[in-house]
Amino acid sequence: MLANVLLLILNTVVGFITLMLLARFFMQWQRVSFRNQIGHFVVTTTDWVVRPLRRFIPGLFGLDMASLLPAWAFQTALVFIELVLRGVPLADNPASVLLGVWGLGLVELLRMMIYLVFAIVLVSAVLSWVSPYSPAAPIVNALAEPFLRPFRRIVPTIANVDLSPLVLLLVLQILLMVLGNLRGGFTPLLVGL
């Protein structure tokens, strides 16, 4: 039971940090201003890890790798800690274990990205109906737009109602199912089957 409580706390803390790092990554990717309450919160919660890493990790194709790589590292460390606390027998080959943990960390990072996009699109859709002039609306809409744009080209509006968020949310759910199946592919690397 103590291991479960510890895992809950670790999942919450590491999940929060990972989501903030991913939010920073997405905001910089979309050139969303950080001069607002949301941006200030994201920068304040992630500066302690991103600023020192910027000296060593350059950007890649305009993407902020100093935000993305630590998010992957946090998820990888969480996967390893979870495996150890759950008593999963690890393979004798350290390279195999390392590859498996890195792969699971990447799968978990992708899962967190999908959850973040899911939340952004959902909040954007709700704000468009409830409070389109909210101070957060331009930020959320700017983050959701690149994900919704391809679907808006395909899905027609019906009676001035944009159904593209529903289609995108369905696609994201399918991607989560695929990632769930992909996660099982790393088990043989970890236990040495």
C-alpha atoms as a PDB file:
ATOM      1  CA  MET A   1       0.000   0.000   0.000  1.00  0.00           C
ATOM      2  CA  LEU A   2       2.839   2.392   0.786  1.00  0.00           C
ATOM      3  CA  ALA A   3       4.255   1.788  -2.704  1.00  0.00           C
ATOM      4  CA  ASN A   4       0.870   2.677  -4.227  1.00  0.00           C
ATOM      5  CA  VAL A   5       0.676   5.914  -2.231  1.00  0.00           C
ATOM      6  CA  LEU A   6       4.215   6.805  -3.268  1.00  0.00           C
ATOM      7  CA  LEU A   7       3.392   6.039  -6.902  1.00  0.00           C
ATOM      8  CA  LEU A   8       0.288   8.223  -6.723  1.00  0.00           C
ATOM      9  CA  ILE A   9       2.322  11.144  -5.387  1.00  0.00           C
ATOM     10  CA  LEU A  10       5.093  10.610  -7.947  1.00  0.00           C
ATOM     11  CA  ASN A  11       2.597  10.282 -10.812  1.00  0.00           C
ATOM     12  CA  THR A  12       0.907  13.518  -9.771  1.00  0.00           C
ATOM     13  CA  VAL A  13       4.105  15.542  -9.376  1.00  0.00           C
ATOM     14  CA  VAL A  14       5.889  14.175 -12.455  1.00  0.00           C
ATOM     15  CA  GLY A  15       2.702  14.384 -14.522  1.00  0.00           C
ATOM     16  CA  PHE A  16       2.248  18.045 -13.566  1.00  0.00           C
ATOM     17  CA  ILE A  17       5.866  18.913 -14.390  1.00  0.00           C
ATOM     18  CA  THR A  18       5.658  17.020 -17.690  1.00  0.00           C
ATOM     19  CA  LEU A  19       2.435  18.784 -18.682  1.00  0.00           C
ATOM     20  CA  MET A  20       3.955  22.182 -17.884  1.00  0.00           C
ATOM     21  CA  LEU A  21       7.070  21.371 -19.938  1.00  0.00           C
ATOM     22  CA  LEU A  22       4.880  20.213 -22.822  1.00  0.00           C
ATOM     23  CA  ALA A  23       2.724  23.344 -22.523  1.00  0.00           C
ATOM     24  CA  ARG A  24       5.894  25.439 -22.751  1.00  0.00           C
ATOM     25  CA  PHE A  25       7.024  23.396 -25.756  1.00  0.00           C
ATOM     26  CA  PHE A  26       3.659  23.865 -27.529  1.00  0.00           C
ATOM     27  CA  MET A  27       3.475  27.584 -26.667  1.00  0.00           C
ATOM     28  CA  GLN A  28       6.945  28.219 -28.085  1.00  0.00           C
ATOM     29  CA  TRP A  29       6.230  26.048 -31.125  1.00  0.00           C
ATOM     30  CA  GLN A  30       3.092  28.090 -31.885  1.00  0.00           C
ATOM     31  CA  ARG A  31       4.735  31.399 -30.905  1.00  0.00           C
ATOM     32  CA  VAL A  32       2.056  32.044 -28.294  1.00  0.00           C
ATOM     33  CA  SER A  33       2.961  34.951 -26.055  1.00  0.00           C
ATOM     34  CA  PHE A  34       4.019  34.174 -22.520  1.00  0.00           C
ATOM     35  CA  ARG A  35       2.936  37.662 -21.398  1.00  0.00           C
ATOM     36  CA  ASN A  36      -0.292  36.513 -19.828  1.00  0.00           C
ATOM     37  CA  GLN A  37      -1.319  34.674 -16.697  1.00  0.00           C
ATOM     38  CA  ILE A  38      -1.150  31.202 -18.283  1.00  0.00           C
ATOM     39  CA  GLY A  39       2.214  31.865 -19.922  1.00  0.00           C
ATOM     40  CA  HIS A  40       3.646  33.313 -16.728  1.00  0.00           C
ATOM     41  CA  PHE A  41       2.497  30.245 -14.777  1.00  0.00           C
ATOM     42  CA  VAL A  42       4.041  27.861 -17.325  1.00  0.00           C
ATOM     43  CA  VAL A  43       7.363  29.733 -17.360  1.00  0.00           C
ATOM     44  CA  THR A  44       7.507  30.019 -13.571  1.00  0.00           C
ATOM     45  CA  THR A  45       6.903  26.298 -13.048  1.00  0.00           C
ATOM     46  CA  THR A  46       9.439  25.190 -15.670  1.00  0.00           C
ATOM     47  CA  ASP A  47      12.268  27.741 -15.586  1.00  0.00           C
ATOM     48  CA  TRP A  48      14.191  25.785 -12.949  1.00  0.00           C
ATOM     49  CA  VAL A  49      14.779  22.958 -15.415  1.00  0.00           C
ATOM     50  CA  VAL A  50      14.627  24.689 -18.831  1.00  0.00           C
ATOM     51  CA  ARG A  51      16.976  27.638 -18.252  1.00  0.00           C
ATOM     52  CA  PRO A  52      20.039  25.590 -17.257  1.00  0.00           C
ATOM     53  CA  LEU A  53      19.429  23.104 -20.077  1.00  0.00           C
ATOM     54  CA  ARG A  54      19.289  25.834 -22.721  1.00  0.00           C
ATOM     55  CA  ARG A  55      23.069  26.238 -22.356  1.00  0.00           C
ATOM     56  CA  PHE A  56      23.606  22.634 -23.489  1.00  0.00           C
ATOM     57  CA  ILE A  57      20.551  21.679 -25.549  1.00  0.00           C
ATOM     58  CA  PRO A  58      19.999  23.781 -28.678  1.00  0.00           C
ATOM     59  CA  GLY A  59      16.688  24.140 -30.442  1.00  0.00           C
ATOM     60  CA  LEU A  60      15.969  21.887 -33.387  1.00  0.00           C
ATOM     61  CA  PHE A  61      14.051  23.212 -36.422  1.00  0.00           C
ATOM     62  CA  GLY A  62      12.602  25.972 -34.248  1.00  0.00           C
ATOM     63  CA  LEU A  63      11.459  23.506 -31.583  1.00  0.00           C
ATOM     64  CA  ASP A  64      12.423  24.024 -27.949  1.00  0.00           C
ATOM     65  CA  MET A  65      14.260  20.801 -27.156  1.00  0.00           C
ATOM     66  CA  ALA A  66      15.210  22.120 -23.697  1.00  0.00           C
ATOM     67  CA  SER A  67      11.523  21.756 -22.791  1.00  0.00           C
ATOM     68  CA  LEU A  68      10.814  18.504 -24.625  1.00  0.00           C
ATOM     69  CA  LEU A  69      13.818  16.392 -23.590  1.00  0.00           C
ATOM     70  CA  PRO A  70      13.396  16.902 -19.833  1.00  0.00           C
ATOM     71  CA  ALA A  71       9.720  15.971 -20.182  1.00  0.00           C
ATOM     72  CA  TRP A  72      10.863  12.684 -21.736  1.00  0.00           C
ATOM     73  CA  ALA A  73      13.490  12.255 -19.011  1.00  0.00           C
ATOM     74  CA  PHE A  74      10.892  12.770 -16.264  1.00  0.00           C
ATOM     75  CA  GLN A  75       8.555  10.216 -17.835  1.00  0.00           C
ATOM     76  CA  THR A  76      11.420   7.733 -18.300  1.00  0.00           C
ATOM     77  CA  ALA A  77      12.488   8.113 -14.665  1.00  0.00           C
ATOM     78  CA  LEU A  78       8.879   7.667 -13.545  1.00  0.00           C
ATOM     79  CA  VAL A  79       8.561   4.465 -15.593  1.00  0.00           C
ATOM     80  CA  PHE A  80      11.746   3.065 -14.060  1.00  0.00           C
ATOM     81  CA  ILE A  81      10.694   3.969 -10.503  1.00  0.00           C
ATOM     82  CA  GLU A  82       7.257   2.438 -11.087  1.00  0.00           C
ATOM     83  CA  LEU A  83       8.786  -0.807 -12.365  1.00  0.00           C
ATOM     84  CA  VAL A  84      11.119  -1.035  -9.372  1.00  0.00           C
ATOM     85  CA  LEU A  85       8.373  -0.231  -6.824  1.00  0.00           C
ATOM     86  CA  ARG A  86       6.012  -2.765  -8.390  1.00  0.00           C
ATOM     87  CA  GLY A  87       8.714  -5.420  -8.232  1.00  0.00           C
ATOM     88  CA  VAL A  88       8.794  -6.156 -11.958  1.00  0.00           C
ATOM     89  CA  PRO A  89      11.684  -8.549 -12.623  1.00  0.00           C
ATOM     90  CA  LEU A  90      14.043  -6.742 -14.978  1.00  0.00           C
ATOM     91  CA  ALA A  91      16.150  -8.477 -17.614  1.00  0.00           C
ATOM     92  CA  ASP A  92      19.792  -9.321 -16.955  1.00  0.00           C
ATOM     93  CA  ASN A  93      20.860  -7.274 -19.966  1.00  0.00           C
ATOM     94  CA  PRO A  94      21.182  -3.586 -18.888  1.00  0.00           C
ATOM     95  CA  ALA A  95      21.047  -2.387 -22.509  1.00  0.00           C
ATOM     96  CA  SER A  96      17.731  -4.156 -22.999  1.00  0.00           C
ATOM     97  CA  VAL A  97      16.311  -2.650 -19.799  1.00  0.00           C
ATOM     98  CA  LEU A  98      17.556   0.816 -20.754  1.00  0.00           C
ATOM     99  CA  LEU A  99      16.036   0.553 -24.231  1.00  0.00           C
ATOM    100  CA  GLY A 100      12.752  -0.716 -22.782  1.00  0.00           C
ATOM    101  CA  VAL A 101      12.554   2.050 -20.173  1.00  0.00           C
ATOM    102  CA  TRP A 102      13.408   4.721 -22.752  1.00  0.00           C
ATOM    103  CA  GLY A 103      10.770   3.316 -25.093  1.00  0.00           C
ATOM    104  CA  LEU A 104       8.144   3.248 -22.355  1.00  0.00           C
ATOM    105  CA  GLY A 105       9.147   6.785 -21.361  1.00  0.00           C
ATOM    106  CA  LEU A 106       8.614   7.904 -24.951  1.00  0.00           C
ATOM    107  CA  VAL A 107       5.227   6.180 -25.117  1.00  0.00           C
ATOM    108  CA  GLU A 108       4.225   7.879 -21.860  1.00  0.00           C
ATOM    109  CA  LEU A 109       5.442  11.244 -23.179  1.00  0.00           C
ATOM    110  CA  LEU A 110       3.350  10.809 -26.327  1.00  0.00           C
ATOM    111  CA  ARG A 111       0.374   9.847 -24.156  1.00  0.00           C
ATOM    112  CA  MET A 112       0.816  13.027 -22.104  1.00  0.00           C
ATOM    113  CA  MET A 113       1.038  15.080 -25.324  1.00  0.00           C
ATOM    114  CA  ILE A 114      -2.226  13.591 -26.529  1.00  0.00           C
ATOM    115  CA  TYR A 115      -3.897  14.329 -23.190  1.00  0.00           C
ATOM    116  CA  LEU A 116      -2.663  17.921 -23.366  1.00  0.00           C
ATOM    117  CA  VAL A 117      -3.959  18.374 -26.922  1.00  0.00           C
ATOM    118  CA  PHE A 118      -7.223  16.734 -25.846  1.00  0.00           C
ATOM    119  CA  ALA A 119      -7.592  19.261 -23.000  1.00  0.00           C
ATOM    120  CA  ILE A 120      -6.644  22.227 -25.190  1.00  0.00           C
ATOM    121  CA  VAL A 121      -9.178  21.304 -27.888  1.00  0.00           C
ATOM    122  CA  LEU A 122     -11.897  20.616 -25.338  1.00  0.00           C
ATOM    123  CA  VAL A 123     -11.313  23.898 -23.495  1.00  0.00           C
ATOM    124  CA  SER A 124     -11.194  25.767 -26.819  1.00  0.00           C
ATOM    125  CA  ALA A 125     -14.539  24.282 -27.870  1.00  0.00           C
ATOM    126  CA  VAL A 126     -16.168  25.046 -24.518  1.00  0.00           C
ATOM    127  CA  LEU A 127     -14.819  28.609 -24.461  1.00  0.00           C
ATOM    128  CA  SER A 128     -16.127  29.215 -27.981  1.00  0.00           C
ATOM    129  CA  TRP A 129     -19.626  28.462 -26.728  1.00  0.00           C
ATOM    130  CA  VAL A 130     -19.538  29.797 -23.179  1.00  0.00           C
ATOM    131  CA  SER A 131     -17.096  32.691 -23.102  1.00  0.00           C
ATOM    132  CA  PRO A 132     -15.496  33.471 -26.465  1.00  0.00           C
ATOM    133  CA  TYR A 133     -14.079  36.789 -25.187  1.00  0.00           C
ATOM    134  CA  SER A 134     -12.419  35.327 -22.114  1.00  0.00           C
ATOM    135  CA  PRO A 135      -8.796  36.428 -21.563  1.00  0.00           C
ATOM    136  CA  ALA A 136      -7.708  32.773 -21.920  1.00  0.00           C
ATOM    137  CA  ALA A 137      -9.588  32.225 -25.193  1.00  0.00           C
ATOM    138  CA  PRO A 138      -6.944  33.657 -27.572  1.00  0.00           C
ATOM    139  CA  ILE A 139      -4.192  31.577 -25.934  1.00  0.00           C
ATOM    140  CA  VAL A 140      -6.177  28.334 -25.985  1.00  0.00           C
ATOM    141  CA  ASN A 141      -7.421  28.960 -29.525  1.00  0.00           C
ATOM    142  CA  ALA A 142      -3.879  29.644 -30.769  1.00  0.00           C
ATOM    143  CA  LEU A 143      -2.728  26.355 -29.251  1.00  0.00           C
ATOM    144  CA  ALA A 144      -5.693  24.382 -30.625  1.00  0.00           C
ATOM    145  CA  GLU A 145      -5.687  25.858 -34.131  1.00  0.00           C
ATOM    146  CA  PRO A 146      -2.809  23.859 -35.692  1.00  0.00           C
ATOM    147  CA  PHE A 147      -4.429  20.613 -34.564  1.00  0.00           C
ATOM    148  CA  LEU A 148      -7.915  21.612 -35.728  1.00  0.00           C
ATOM    149  CA  ARG A 149      -6.907  23.159 -39.074  1.00  0.00           C
ATOM    150  CA  PRO A 150      -6.513  19.869 -41.014  1.00  0.00           C
ATOM    151  CA  PHE A 151      -9.885  18.630 -39.754  1.00  0.00           C
ATOM    152  CA  ARG A 152     -11.623  21.905 -40.612  1.00  0.00           C
ATOM    153  CA  ARG A 153     -10.599  21.379 -44.226  1.00  0.00           C
ATOM    154  CA  ILE A 154     -12.318  17.979 -44.273  1.00  0.00           C
ATOM    155  CA  VAL A 155     -15.288  18.285 -41.898  1.00  0.00           C
ATOM    156  CA  PRO A 156     -17.928  20.783 -43.059  1.00  0.00           C
ATOM    157  CA  THR A 157     -19.706  23.053 -40.609  1.00  0.00           C
ATOM    158  CA  ILE A 158     -23.348  22.168 -40.089  1.00  0.00           C
ATOM    159  CA  ALA A 159     -25.671  25.077 -39.299  1.00  0.00           C
ATOM    160  CA  ASN A 160     -22.617  27.168 -38.308  1.00  0.00           C
ATOM    161  CA  VAL A 161     -21.476  24.507 -35.849  1.00  0.00           C
ATOM    162  CA  ASP A 162     -17.856  23.404 -36.202  1.00  0.00           C
ATOM    163  CA  LEU A 163     -17.689  19.627 -35.737  1.00  0.00           C
ATOM    164  CA  SER A 164     -13.934  19.374 -36.300  1.00  0.00           C
ATOM    165  CA  PRO A 165     -13.156  19.278 -32.540  1.00  0.00           C
ATOM    166  CA  LEU A 166     -15.345  16.174 -32.188  1.00  0.00           C
ATOM    167  CA  VAL A 167     -13.533  14.420 -35.021  1.00  0.00           C
ATOM    168  CA  LEU A 168     -10.136  15.404 -33.621  1.00  0.00           C
ATOM    169  CA  LEU A 169     -11.097  14.134 -30.160  1.00  0.00           C
ATOM    170  CA  LEU A 170     -12.139  10.822 -31.719  1.00  0.00           C
ATOM    171  CA  VAL A 171      -8.790  10.555 -33.537  1.00  0.00           C
ATOM    172  CA  LEU A 172      -6.962  11.349 -30.278  1.00  0.00           C
ATOM    173  CA  GLN A 173      -8.882   8.574 -28.499  1.00  0.00           C
ATOM    174  CA  ILE A 174      -7.835   6.134 -31.244  1.00  0.00           C
ATOM    175  CA  LEU A 175      -4.209   7.256 -30.861  1.00  0.00           C
ATOM    176  CA  LEU A 176      -4.425   6.626 -27.109  1.00  0.00           C
ATOM    177  CA  MET A 177      -5.630   3.087 -27.843  1.00  0.00           C
ATOM    178  CA  VAL A 178      -2.717   2.538 -30.249  1.00  0.00           C
ATOM    179  CA  LEU A 179      -0.243   3.808 -27.641  1.00  0.00           C
ATOM    180  CA  GLY A 180      -1.782   1.467 -25.075  1.00  0.00           C
ATOM    181  CA  ASN A 181      -1.093  -1.472 -27.378  1.00  0.00           C
ATOM    182  CA  LEU A 182       2.388  -0.158 -28.189  1.00  0.00           C
ATOM    183  CA  ARG A 183       3.243  -0.039 -24.506  1.00  0.00           C
ATOM    184  CA  GLY A 184       2.985  -3.830 -24.329  1.00  0.00           C
ATOM    185  CA  GLY A 185       5.641  -4.131 -27.034  1.00  0.00           C
ATOM    186  CA  PHE A 186       8.341  -2.986 -24.612  1.00  0.00           C
ATOM    187  CA  THR A 187       7.634  -5.656 -21.992  1.00  0.00           C
ATOM    188  CA  PRO A 188       9.885  -8.305 -23.571  1.00  0.00           C
ATOM    189  CA  LEU A 189      12.817  -5.879 -23.463  1.00  0.00           C
ATOM    190  CA  LEU A 190      12.335  -5.253 -19.760  1.00  0.00           C
ATOM    191  CA  VAL A 191      11.826  -8.790 -18.488  1.00  0.00           C
ATOM    192  CA  GLY A 192      14.137 -10.504 -20.961  1.00  0.00           C
ATOM    193  CA  LEU A 193      11.619 -12.844 -22.580  1.00  0.00           C
END
